[in-house]
Amino acid sequence: MDFYVYYKVQPADAASLQEAVIAMQAGLARSHGVVPQLKRRPAPADDGLQTWMEVYPAPGATAASADALLATLEAAAADAGLARWICGPRHVEVFEDLPPCA
């Protein structure tokens, strides 16, 4: 299973948010062995906001471990204070791997 967390950001808040997310993801990598990614759409949306995406690959995760990781991600975001730089909610999507086509 992989976790995709996306949200909107004012361009003026981008540098502060990036610093906070990178620090949060480094801590998650150390404590939980995840290899997170941080992405941003190349162009702002029509409203001028940037769309950012945090990606947390969790190969081999079970439903129970996925629930635990999701709780950990939410707690880490709250501890890092990310909400102060984000416009609106953080949206979390979970995807699971499918067997390759033969």
PDB file of N, CA and C in Angstrom:
ATOM      1  N   MET A   1       0.838  -1.176   0.000  1.00  0.00           N
ATOM      2  CA  MET A   1       0.000   0.000   0.000  1.00  0.00           C
ATOM      3  C   MET A   1       0.882   1.237   0.000  1.00  0.00           C
ATOM      4  N   ASP A   2       0.385   2.248  -0.659  1.00  0.00           N
ATOM      5  CA  ASP A   2       1.087   3.522  -0.690  1.00  0.00           C
ATOM      6  C   ASP A   2       0.107   4.616  -0.293  1.00  0.00           C
ATOM      7  N   PHE A   3       0.638   5.627   0.370  1.00  0.00           N
ATOM      8  CA  PHE A   3      -0.174   6.747   0.844  1.00  0.00           C
ATOM      9  C   PHE A   3       0.188   7.989   0.045  1.00  0.00           C
ATOM     10  N   TYR A   4      -0.852   8.690  -0.410  1.00  0.00           N
ATOM     11  CA  TYR A   4      -0.698   9.937  -1.140  1.00  0.00           C
ATOM     12  C   TYR A   4      -1.463  11.003  -0.374  1.00  0.00           C
ATOM     13  N   VAL A   5      -0.762  12.031   0.059  1.00  0.00           N
ATOM     14  CA  VAL A   5      -1.367  13.097   0.851  1.00  0.00           C
ATOM     15  C   VAL A   5      -1.209  14.383   0.059  1.00  0.00           C
ATOM     16  N   TYR A   6      -2.335  15.011  -0.280  1.00  0.00           N
ATOM     17  CA  TYR A   6      -2.234  16.230  -1.074  1.00  0.00           C
ATOM     18  C   TYR A   6      -3.017  17.366  -0.436  1.00  0.00           C
ATOM     19  N   TYR A   7      -2.575  18.578  -0.761  1.00  0.00           N
ATOM     20  CA  TYR A   7      -3.160  19.787  -0.174  1.00  0.00           C
ATOM     21  C   TYR A   7      -2.725  20.997  -0.978  1.00  0.00           C
ATOM     22  N   LYS A   8      -3.335  22.143  -0.670  1.00  0.00           N
ATOM     23  CA  LYS A   8      -3.051  23.407  -1.353  1.00  0.00           C
ATOM     24  C   LYS A   8      -2.211  24.317  -0.450  1.00  0.00           C
ATOM     25  N   VAL A   9      -1.391  25.141  -1.099  1.00  0.00           N
ATOM     26  CA  VAL A   9      -0.458  26.013  -0.377  1.00  0.00           C
ATOM     27  C   VAL A   9      -0.383  27.373  -1.066  1.00  0.00           C
ATOM     28  N   GLN A  10      -0.392  28.437  -0.275  1.00  0.00           N
ATOM     29  CA  GLN A  10      -0.125  29.772  -0.807  1.00  0.00           C
ATOM     30  C   GLN A  10       1.359  29.838  -1.190  1.00  0.00           C
ATOM     31  N   PRO A  11       1.712  30.392  -2.354  1.00  0.00           N
ATOM     32  CA  PRO A  11       3.119  30.490  -2.732  1.00  0.00           C
ATOM     33  C   PRO A  11       3.979  31.177  -1.666  1.00  0.00           C
ATOM     34  N   ALA A  12       3.435  32.150  -0.961  1.00  0.00           N
ATOM     35  CA  ALA A  12       4.208  32.856   0.065  1.00  0.00           C
ATOM     36  C   ALA A  12       4.568  31.956   1.244  1.00  0.00           C
ATOM     37  N   ASP A  13       3.833  30.858   1.429  1.00  0.00           N
ATOM     38  CA  ASP A  13       4.091  29.933   2.538  1.00  0.00           C
ATOM     39  C   ASP A  13       4.922  28.724   2.128  1.00  0.00           C
ATOM     40  N   ALA A  14       5.263  28.623   0.859  1.00  0.00           N
ATOM     41  CA  ALA A  14       5.915  27.426   0.331  1.00  0.00           C
ATOM     42  C   ALA A  14       7.253  27.112   1.007  1.00  0.00           C
ATOM     43  N   ALA A  15       8.099  28.101   1.187  1.00  0.00           N
ATOM     44  CA  ALA A  15       9.427  27.844   1.762  1.00  0.00           C
ATOM     45  C   ALA A  15       9.318  27.333   3.195  1.00  0.00           C
ATOM     46  N   SER A  16       8.453  27.942   3.991  1.00  0.00           N
ATOM     47  CA  SER A  16       8.292  27.506   5.387  1.00  0.00           C
ATOM     48  C   SER A  16       7.697  26.105   5.453  1.00  0.00           C
ATOM     49  N   LEU A  17       6.701  25.854   4.613  1.00  0.00           N
ATOM     50  CA  LEU A  17       6.086  24.532   4.597  1.00  0.00           C
ATOM     51  C   LEU A  17       7.081  23.484   4.144  1.00  0.00           C
ATOM     52  N   GLN A  18       7.846  23.783   3.107  1.00  0.00           N
ATOM     53  CA  GLN A  18       8.824  22.812   2.605  1.00  0.00           C
ATOM     54  C   GLN A  18       9.821  22.430   3.694  1.00  0.00           C
ATOM     55  N   GLU A  19      10.315  23.399   4.413  1.00  0.00           N
ATOM     56  CA  GLU A  19      11.258  23.119   5.499  1.00  0.00           C
ATOM     57  C   GLU A  19      10.624  22.199   6.545  1.00  0.00           C
ATOM     58  N   ALA A  20       9.377  22.483   6.913  1.00  0.00           N
ATOM     59  CA  ALA A  20       8.689  21.688   7.929  1.00  0.00           C
ATOM     60  C   ALA A  20       8.399  20.269   7.440  1.00  0.00           C
ATOM     61  N   VAL A  21       7.966  20.136   6.190  1.00  0.00           N
ATOM     62  CA  VAL A  21       7.649  18.803   5.662  1.00  0.00           C
ATOM     63  C   VAL A  21       8.916  17.968   5.528  1.00  0.00           C
ATOM     64  N   ILE A  22       9.992  18.570   5.045  1.00  0.00           N
ATOM     65  CA  ILE A  22      11.244  17.820   4.904  1.00  0.00           C
ATOM     66  C   ILE A  22      11.728  17.326   6.261  1.00  0.00           C
ATOM     67  N   ALA A  23      11.655  18.168   7.270  1.00  0.00           N
ATOM     68  CA  ALA A  23      12.062  17.745   8.618  1.00  0.00           C
ATOM     69  C   ALA A  23      11.153  16.631   9.128  1.00  0.00           C
ATOM     70  N   MET A  24       9.841  16.762   8.920  1.00  0.00           N
ATOM     71  CA  MET A  24       8.902  15.738   9.354  1.00  0.00           C
ATOM     72  C   MET A  24       9.184  14.415   8.642  1.00  0.00           C
ATOM     73  N   GLN A  25       9.385  14.462   7.335  1.00  0.00           N
ATOM     74  CA  GLN A  25       9.628  13.243   6.581  1.00  0.00           C
ATOM     75  C   GLN A  25      10.955  12.598   6.955  1.00  0.00           C
ATOM     76  N   ALA A  26      11.956  13.393   7.273  1.00  0.00           N
ATOM     77  CA  ALA A  26      13.244  12.830   7.720  1.00  0.00           C
ATOM     78  C   ALA A  26      13.049  12.066   9.027  1.00  0.00           C
ATOM     79  N   GLY A  27      12.253  12.623   9.931  1.00  0.00           N
ATOM     80  CA  GLY A  27      11.970  11.942  11.182  1.00  0.00           C
ATOM     81  C   GLY A  27      11.203  10.647  10.956  1.00  0.00           C
ATOM     82  N   LEU A  28      10.228  10.664  10.053  1.00  0.00           N
ATOM     83  CA  LEU A  28       9.476   9.448   9.736  1.00  0.00           C
ATOM     84  C   LEU A  28      10.377   8.399   9.094  1.00  0.00           C
ATOM     85  N   ALA A  29      11.300   8.823   8.259  1.00  0.00           N
ATOM     86  CA  ALA A  29      12.228   7.882   7.631  1.00  0.00           C
ATOM     87  C   ALA A  29      13.098   7.204   8.684  1.00  0.00           C
ATOM     88  N   ARG A  30      13.565   7.999   9.642  1.00  0.00           N
ATOM     89  CA  ARG A  30      14.410   7.427  10.705  1.00  0.00           C
ATOM     90  C   ARG A  30      13.615   6.497  11.608  1.00  0.00           C
ATOM     91  N   SER A  31      12.437   6.911  12.004  1.00  0.00           N
ATOM     92  CA  SER A  31      11.692   6.157  13.012  1.00  0.00           C
ATOM     93  C   SER A  31      10.860   5.004  12.443  1.00  0.00           C
ATOM     94  N   HIS A  32      10.464   5.100  11.167  1.00  0.00           N
ATOM     95  CA  HIS A  32       9.569   4.081  10.620  1.00  0.00           C
ATOM     96  C   HIS A  32      10.087   3.421   9.344  1.00  0.00           C
ATOM     97  N   GLY A  33      11.248   3.822   8.886  1.00  0.00           N
ATOM     98  CA  GLY A  33      11.852   3.176   7.728  1.00  0.00           C
ATOM     99  C   GLY A  33      11.151   3.445   6.407  1.00  0.00           C
ATOM    100  N   VAL A  34      10.287   4.458   6.360  1.00  0.00           N
ATOM    101  CA  VAL A  34       9.638   4.803   5.093  1.00  0.00           C
ATOM    102  C   VAL A  34      10.592   5.643   4.247  1.00  0.00           C
ATOM    103  N   VAL A  35      10.347   5.662   2.960  1.00  0.00           N
ATOM    104  CA  VAL A  35      11.146   6.475   2.040  1.00  0.00           C
ATOM    105  C   VAL A  35      10.189   7.472   1.388  1.00  0.00           C
ATOM    106  N   PRO A  36       9.913   8.581   2.093  1.00  0.00           N
ATOM    107  CA  PRO A  36       8.913   9.524   1.601  1.00  0.00           C
ATOM    108  C   PRO A  36       9.420  10.370   0.443  1.00  0.00           C
ATOM    109  N   GLN A  37       8.463  10.939  -0.262  1.00  0.00           N
ATOM    110  CA  GLN A  37       8.744  11.872  -1.347  1.00  0.00           C
ATOM    111  C   GLN A  37       7.882  13.114  -1.138  1.00  0.00           C
ATOM    112  N   LEU A  38       8.346  14.224  -1.637  1.00  0.00           N
ATOM    113  CA  LEU A  38       7.574  15.466  -1.615  1.00  0.00           C
ATOM    114  C   LEU A  38       7.532  15.997  -3.041  1.00  0.00           C
ATOM    115  N   LYS A  39       6.321  16.282  -3.520  1.00  0.00           N
ATOM    116  CA  LYS A  39       6.138  16.732  -4.897  1.00  0.00           C
ATOM    117  C   LYS A  39       5.240  17.964  -4.930  1.00  0.00           C
ATOM    118  N   ARG A  40       5.333  18.684  -6.033  1.00  0.00           N
ATOM    119  CA  ARG A  40       4.479  19.857  -6.247  1.00  0.00           C
ATOM    120  C   ARG A  40       4.117  19.904  -7.726  1.00  0.00           C
ATOM    121  N   ARG A  41       2.875  20.279  -8.013  1.00  0.00           N
ATOM    122  CA  ARG A  41       2.510  20.465  -9.417  1.00  0.00           C
ATOM    123  C   ARG A  41       3.369  21.582  -9.986  1.00  0.00           C
ATOM    124  N   PRO A  42       3.736  21.473 -11.262  1.00  0.00           N
ATOM    125  CA  PRO A  42       4.643  22.471 -11.839  1.00  0.00           C
ATOM    126  C   PRO A  42       4.041  23.868 -11.986  1.00  0.00           C
ATOM    127  N   ALA A  43       2.729  23.963 -12.067  1.00  0.00           N
ATOM    128  CA  ALA A  43       2.095  25.275 -12.231  1.00  0.00           C
ATOM    129  C   ALA A  43       1.005  25.437 -11.175  1.00  0.00           C
ATOM    130  N   PRO A  44       0.786  26.659 -10.708  1.00  0.00           N
ATOM    131  CA  PRO A  44      -0.283  26.866  -9.737  1.00  0.00           C
ATOM    132  C   PRO A  44      -1.651  26.611 -10.360  1.00  0.00           C
ATOM    133  N   ALA A  45      -2.625  26.334  -9.492  1.00  0.00           N
ATOM    134  CA  ALA A  45      -4.006  26.162  -9.935  1.00  0.00           C
ATOM    135  C   ALA A  45      -4.582  27.514 -10.336  1.00  0.00           C
ATOM    136  N   ASP A  46      -5.777  27.503 -10.886  1.00  0.00           N
ATOM    137  CA  ASP A  46      -6.427  28.746 -11.317  1.00  0.00           C
ATOM    138  C   ASP A  46      -6.584  29.747 -10.185  1.00  0.00           C
ATOM    139  N   ASP A  47      -6.672  29.245  -8.945  1.00  0.00           N
ATOM    140  CA  ASP A  47      -6.822  30.136  -7.787  1.00  0.00           C
ATOM    141  C   ASP A  47      -5.487  30.676  -7.278  1.00  0.00           C
ATOM    142  N   GLY A  48      -4.387  30.327  -7.961  1.00  0.00           N
ATOM    143  CA  GLY A  48      -3.064  30.803  -7.574  1.00  0.00           C
ATOM    144  C   GLY A  48      -2.368  29.941  -6.539  1.00  0.00           C
ATOM    145  N   LEU A  49      -3.060  28.936  -6.016  1.00  0.00           N
ATOM    146  CA  LEU A  49      -2.476  28.067  -4.998  1.00  0.00           C
ATOM    147  C   LEU A  49      -1.660  26.956  -5.641  1.00  0.00           C
ATOM    148  N   GLN A  50      -0.638  26.526  -4.931  1.00  0.00           N
ATOM    149  CA  GLN A  50       0.155  25.384  -5.360  1.00  0.00           C
ATOM    150  C   GLN A  50      -0.488  24.107  -4.804  1.00  0.00           C
ATOM    151  N   THR A  51      -0.385  23.022  -5.552  1.00  0.00           N
ATOM    152  CA  THR A  51      -0.828  21.719  -5.064  1.00  0.00           C
ATOM    153  C   THR A  51       0.410  20.894  -4.747  1.00  0.00           C
ATOM    154  N   TRP A  52       0.480  20.428  -3.515  1.00  0.00           N
ATOM    155  CA  TRP A  52       1.607  19.626  -3.045  1.00  0.00           C
ATOM    156  C   TRP A  52       1.137  18.214  -2.770  1.00  0.00           C
ATOM    157  N   MET A  53       2.085  17.268  -2.865  1.00  0.00           N
ATOM    158  CA  MET A  53       1.795  15.868  -2.620  1.00  0.00           C
ATOM    159  C   MET A  53       2.942  15.245  -1.826  1.00  0.00           C
ATOM    160  N   GLU A  54       2.583  14.620  -0.720  1.00  0.00           N
ATOM    161  CA  GLU A  54       3.519  13.787   0.026  1.00  0.00           C
ATOM    162  C   GLU A  54       3.218  12.349  -0.368  1.00  0.00           C
ATOM    163  N   VAL A  55       4.254  11.566  -0.647  1.00  0.00           N
ATOM    164  CA  VAL A  55       4.085  10.169  -1.034  1.00  0.00           C
ATOM    165  C   VAL A  55       4.852   9.307  -0.038  1.00  0.00           C
ATOM    166  N   TYR A  56       4.164   8.272   0.447  1.00  0.00           N
ATOM    167  CA  TYR A  56       4.754   7.345   1.413  1.00  0.00           C
ATOM    168  C   TYR A  56       4.564   5.929   0.914  1.00  0.00           C
ATOM    169  N   PRO A  57       5.539   5.395   0.171  1.00  0.00           N
ATOM    170  CA  PRO A  57       5.434   4.006  -0.264  1.00  0.00           C
ATOM    171  C   PRO A  57       5.569   3.074   0.948  1.00  0.00           C
ATOM    172  N   ALA A  58       4.650   2.135   1.034  1.00  0.00           N
ATOM    173  CA  ALA A  58       4.685   1.157   2.128  1.00  0.00           C
ATOM    174  C   ALA A  58       4.445  -0.225   1.554  1.00  0.00           C
ATOM    175  N   PRO A  59       5.397  -0.728   0.763  1.00  0.00           N
ATOM    176  CA  PRO A  59       5.187  -2.026   0.120  1.00  0.00           C
ATOM    177  C   PRO A  59       5.021  -3.129   1.161  1.00  0.00           C
ATOM    178  N   GLY A  60       4.094  -4.020   0.879  1.00  0.00           N
ATOM    179  CA  GLY A  60       3.875  -5.145   1.775  1.00  0.00           C
ATOM    180  C   GLY A  60       3.076  -4.807   3.015  1.00  0.00           C
ATOM    181  N   ALA A  61       2.559  -3.596   3.108  1.00  0.00           N
ATOM    182  CA  ALA A  61       1.791  -3.209   4.291  1.00  0.00           C
ATOM    183  C   ALA A  61       0.478  -3.986   4.338  1.00  0.00           C
ATOM    184  N   THR A  62       0.115  -4.414   5.515  1.00  0.00           N
ATOM    185  CA  THR A  62      -1.176  -5.053   5.737  1.00  0.00           C
ATOM    186  C   THR A  62      -2.182  -3.963   6.113  1.00  0.00           C
ATOM    187  N   ALA A  63      -3.446  -4.338   6.190  1.00  0.00           N
ATOM    188  CA  ALA A  63      -4.463  -3.360   6.574  1.00  0.00           C
ATOM    189  C   ALA A  63      -4.160  -2.789   7.957  1.00  0.00           C
ATOM    190  N   ALA A  64      -3.737  -3.635   8.884  1.00  0.00           N
ATOM    191  CA  ALA A  64      -3.434  -3.170  10.242  1.00  0.00           C
ATOM    192  C   ALA A  64      -2.223  -2.246  10.254  1.00  0.00           C
ATOM    193  N   SER A  65      -1.174  -2.615   9.537  1.00  0.00           N
ATOM    194  CA  SER A  65       0.017  -1.754   9.522  1.00  0.00           C
ATOM    195  C   SER A  65      -0.259  -0.468   8.751  1.00  0.00           C
ATOM    196  N   ALA A  66      -1.127  -0.531   7.739  1.00  0.00           N
ATOM    197  CA  ALA A  66      -1.495   0.674   6.998  1.00  0.00           C
ATOM    198  C   ALA A  66      -2.253   1.641   7.902  1.00  0.00           C
ATOM    199  N   ASP A  67      -3.167   1.123   8.720  1.00  0.00           N
ATOM    200  CA  ASP A  67      -3.895   1.979   9.664  1.00  0.00           C
ATOM    201  C   ASP A  67      -2.939   2.631  10.652  1.00  0.00           C
ATOM    202  N   ALA A  68      -1.957   1.857  11.116  1.00  0.00           N
ATOM    203  CA  ALA A  68      -0.978   2.392  12.071  1.00  0.00           C
ATOM    204  C   ALA A  68      -0.126   3.473  11.406  1.00  0.00           C
ATOM    205  N   LEU A  69       0.293   3.237  10.164  1.00  0.00           N
ATOM    206  CA  LEU A  69       1.105   4.235   9.462  1.00  0.00           C
ATOM    207  C   LEU A  69       0.294   5.496   9.204  1.00  0.00           C
ATOM    208  N   LEU A  70      -0.959   5.344   8.846  1.00  0.00           N
ATOM    209  CA  LEU A  70      -1.808   6.509   8.617  1.00  0.00           C
ATOM    210  C   LEU A  70      -1.939   7.344   9.889  1.00  0.00           C
ATOM    211  N   ALA A  71      -2.145   6.689  11.013  1.00  0.00           N
ATOM    212  CA  ALA A  71      -2.224   7.409  12.289  1.00  0.00           C
ATOM    213  C   ALA A  71      -0.905   8.116  12.587  1.00  0.00           C
ATOM    214  N   THR A  72       0.204   7.459  12.280  1.00  0.00           N
ATOM    215  CA  THR A  72       1.523   8.048  12.494  1.00  0.00           C
ATOM    216  C   THR A  72       1.714   9.279  11.609  1.00  0.00           C
ATOM    217  N   LEU A  73       1.286   9.197  10.344  1.00  0.00           N
ATOM    218  CA  LEU A  73       1.415  10.334   9.432  1.00  0.00           C
ATOM    219  C   LEU A  73       0.600  11.524   9.914  1.00  0.00           C
ATOM    220  N   GLU A  74      -0.617  11.267  10.363  1.00  0.00           N
ATOM    221  CA  GLU A  74      -1.473  12.350  10.849  1.00  0.00           C
ATOM    222  C   GLU A  74      -0.888  12.997  12.103  1.00  0.00           C
ATOM    223  N   ALA A  75      -0.378  12.172  13.009  1.00  0.00           N
ATOM    224  CA  ALA A  75       0.224  12.706  14.232  1.00  0.00           C
ATOM    225  C   ALA A  75       1.479  13.518  13.907  1.00  0.00           C
ATOM    226  N   ALA A  76       2.292  13.028  12.978  1.00  0.00           N
ATOM    227  CA  ALA A  76       3.519  13.743  12.607  1.00  0.00           C
ATOM    228  C   ALA A  76       3.186  15.094  11.978  1.00  0.00           C
ATOM    229  N   ALA A  77       2.153  15.147  11.136  1.00  0.00           N
ATOM    230  CA  ALA A  77       1.750  16.414  10.514  1.00  0.00           C
ATOM    231  C   ALA A  77       1.258  17.398  11.575  1.00  0.00           C
ATOM    232  N   ALA A  78       0.499  16.895  12.540  1.00  0.00           N
ATOM    233  CA  ALA A  78       0.017  17.765  13.621  1.00  0.00           C
ATOM    234  C   ALA A  78       1.183  18.263  14.466  1.00  0.00           C
ATOM    235  N   ASP A  79       2.105  17.365  14.806  1.00  0.00           N
ATOM    236  CA  ASP A  79       3.269  17.751  15.616  1.00  0.00           C
ATOM    237  C   ASP A  79       4.141  18.783  14.890  1.00  0.00           C
ATOM    238  N   ALA A  80       4.235  18.663  13.565  1.00  0.00           N
ATOM    239  CA  ALA A  80       5.051  19.591  12.775  1.00  0.00           C
ATOM    240  C   ALA A  80       4.335  20.918  12.540  1.00  0.00           C
ATOM    241  N   GLY A  81       3.052  20.996  12.883  1.00  0.00           N
ATOM    242  CA  GLY A  81       2.306  22.234  12.708  1.00  0.00           C
ATOM    243  C   GLY A  81       2.036  22.605  11.263  1.00  0.00           C
ATOM    244  N   LEU A  82       1.920  21.602  10.393  1.00  0.00           N
ATOM    245  CA  LEU A  82       1.760  21.879   8.969  1.00  0.00           C
ATOM    246  C   LEU A  82       0.495  22.661   8.652  1.00  0.00           C
ATOM    247  N   ALA A  83      -0.535  22.516   9.462  1.00  0.00           N
ATOM    248  CA  ALA A  83      -1.822  23.161   9.177  1.00  0.00           C
ATOM    249  C   ALA A  83      -1.699  24.680   9.060  1.00  0.00           C
ATOM    250  N   ARG A  84      -0.709  25.270   9.718  1.00  0.00           N
ATOM    251  CA  ARG A  84      -0.593  26.741   9.664  1.00  0.00           C
ATOM    252  C   ARG A  84      -0.233  27.252   8.274  1.00  0.00           C
ATOM    253  N   TRP A  85       0.323  26.368   7.406  1.00  0.00           N
ATOM    254  CA  TRP A  85       0.721  26.794   6.059  1.00  0.00           C
ATOM    255  C   TRP A  85      -0.158  26.206   4.963  1.00  0.00           C
ATOM    256  N   ILE A  86      -1.090  25.347   5.320  1.00  0.00           N
ATOM    257  CA  ILE A  86      -1.910  24.648   4.328  1.00  0.00           C
ATOM    258  C   ILE A  86      -3.281  25.317   4.215  1.00  0.00           C
ATOM    259  N   CYS A  87      -3.738  25.484   2.984  1.00  0.00           N
ATOM    260  CA  CYS A  87      -5.068  26.051   2.726  1.00  0.00           C
ATOM    261  C   CYS A  87      -6.052  24.898   2.597  1.00  0.00           C
ATOM    262  N   GLY A  88      -6.907  24.743   3.580  1.00  0.00           N
ATOM    263  CA  GLY A  88      -7.886  23.660   3.535  1.00  0.00           C
ATOM    264  C   GLY A  88      -7.335  22.376   4.131  1.00  0.00           C
ATOM    265  N   PRO A  89      -8.044  21.272   3.893  1.00  0.00           N
ATOM    266  CA  PRO A  89      -7.647  20.000   4.508  1.00  0.00           C
ATOM    267  C   PRO A  89      -6.515  19.303   3.765  1.00  0.00           C
ATOM    268  N   ARG A  90      -5.873  18.390   4.472  1.00  0.00           N
ATOM    269  CA  ARG A  90      -4.946  17.430   3.863  1.00  0.00           C
ATOM    270  C   ARG A  90      -5.804  16.239   3.438  1.00  0.00           C
ATOM    271  N   HIS A  91      -5.708  15.876   2.186  1.00  0.00           N
ATOM    272  CA  HIS A  91      -6.470  14.742   1.661  1.00  0.00           C
ATOM    273  C   HIS A  91      -5.553  13.529   1.589  1.00  0.00           C
ATOM    274  N   VAL A  92      -5.991  12.413   2.130  1.00  0.00           N
ATOM    275  CA  VAL A  92      -5.182  11.196   2.133  1.00  0.00           C
ATOM    276  C   VAL A  92      -5.859  10.151   1.253  1.00  0.00           C
ATOM    277  N   GLU A  93      -5.100   9.599   0.341  1.00  0.00           N
ATOM    278  CA  GLU A  93      -5.557   8.504  -0.516  1.00  0.00           C
ATOM    279  C   GLU A  93      -4.619   7.324  -0.292  1.00  0.00           C
ATOM    280  N   VAL A  94      -5.182   6.131  -0.254  1.00  0.00           N
ATOM    281  CA  VAL A  94      -4.398   4.907  -0.069  1.00  0.00           C
ATOM    282  C   VAL A  94      -4.607   4.033  -1.300  1.00  0.00           C
ATOM    283  N   PHE A  95      -3.514   3.575  -1.882  1.00  0.00           N
ATOM    284  CA  PHE A  95      -3.568   2.693  -3.043  1.00  0.00           C
ATOM    285  C   PHE A  95      -2.810   1.424  -2.731  1.00  0.00           C
ATOM    286  N   GLU A  96      -3.311   0.312  -3.256  1.00  0.00           N
ATOM    287  CA  GLU A  96      -2.619  -0.957  -3.073  1.00  0.00           C
ATOM    288  C   GLU A  96      -2.093  -1.435  -4.419  1.00  0.00           C
ATOM    289  N   ASP A  97      -1.019  -2.215  -4.373  1.00  0.00           N
ATOM    290  CA  ASP A  97      -0.424  -2.762  -5.579  1.00  0.00           C
ATOM    291  C   ASP A  97      -1.313  -3.874  -6.124  1.00  0.00           C
ATOM    292  N   LEU A  98      -1.335  -3.968  -7.433  1.00  0.00           N
ATOM    293  CA  LEU A  98      -2.013  -5.064  -8.101  1.00  0.00           C
ATOM    294  C   LEU A  98      -0.962  -5.979  -8.714  1.00  0.00           C
ATOM    295  N   PRO A  99      -1.306  -7.243  -8.896  1.00  0.00           N
ATOM    296  CA  PRO A  99      -0.327  -8.122  -9.540  1.00  0.00           C
ATOM    297  C   PRO A  99      -0.052  -7.638 -10.965  1.00  0.00           C
ATOM    298  N   PRO A 100       1.165  -7.806 -11.414  1.00  0.00           N
ATOM    299  CA  PRO A 100       1.491  -7.357 -12.777  1.00  0.00           C
ATOM    300  C   PRO A 100       0.702  -8.168 -13.819  1.00  0.00           C
ATOM    301  N   CYS A 101       0.427  -7.531 -14.931  1.00  0.00           N
ATOM    302  CA  CYS A 101      -0.257  -8.224 -16.028  1.00  0.00           C
ATOM    303  C   CYS A 101       0.730  -9.187 -16.673  1.00  0.00           C
ATOM    304  N   ALA A 102       0.251 -10.352 -17.025  1.00  0.00           N
ATOM    305  CA  ALA A 102       1.143 -11.354 -17.628  1.00  0.00           C
ATOM    306  C   ALA A 102       0.962 -11.386 -19.120  1.00  0.00           C
TER     307      ALA A 102
END
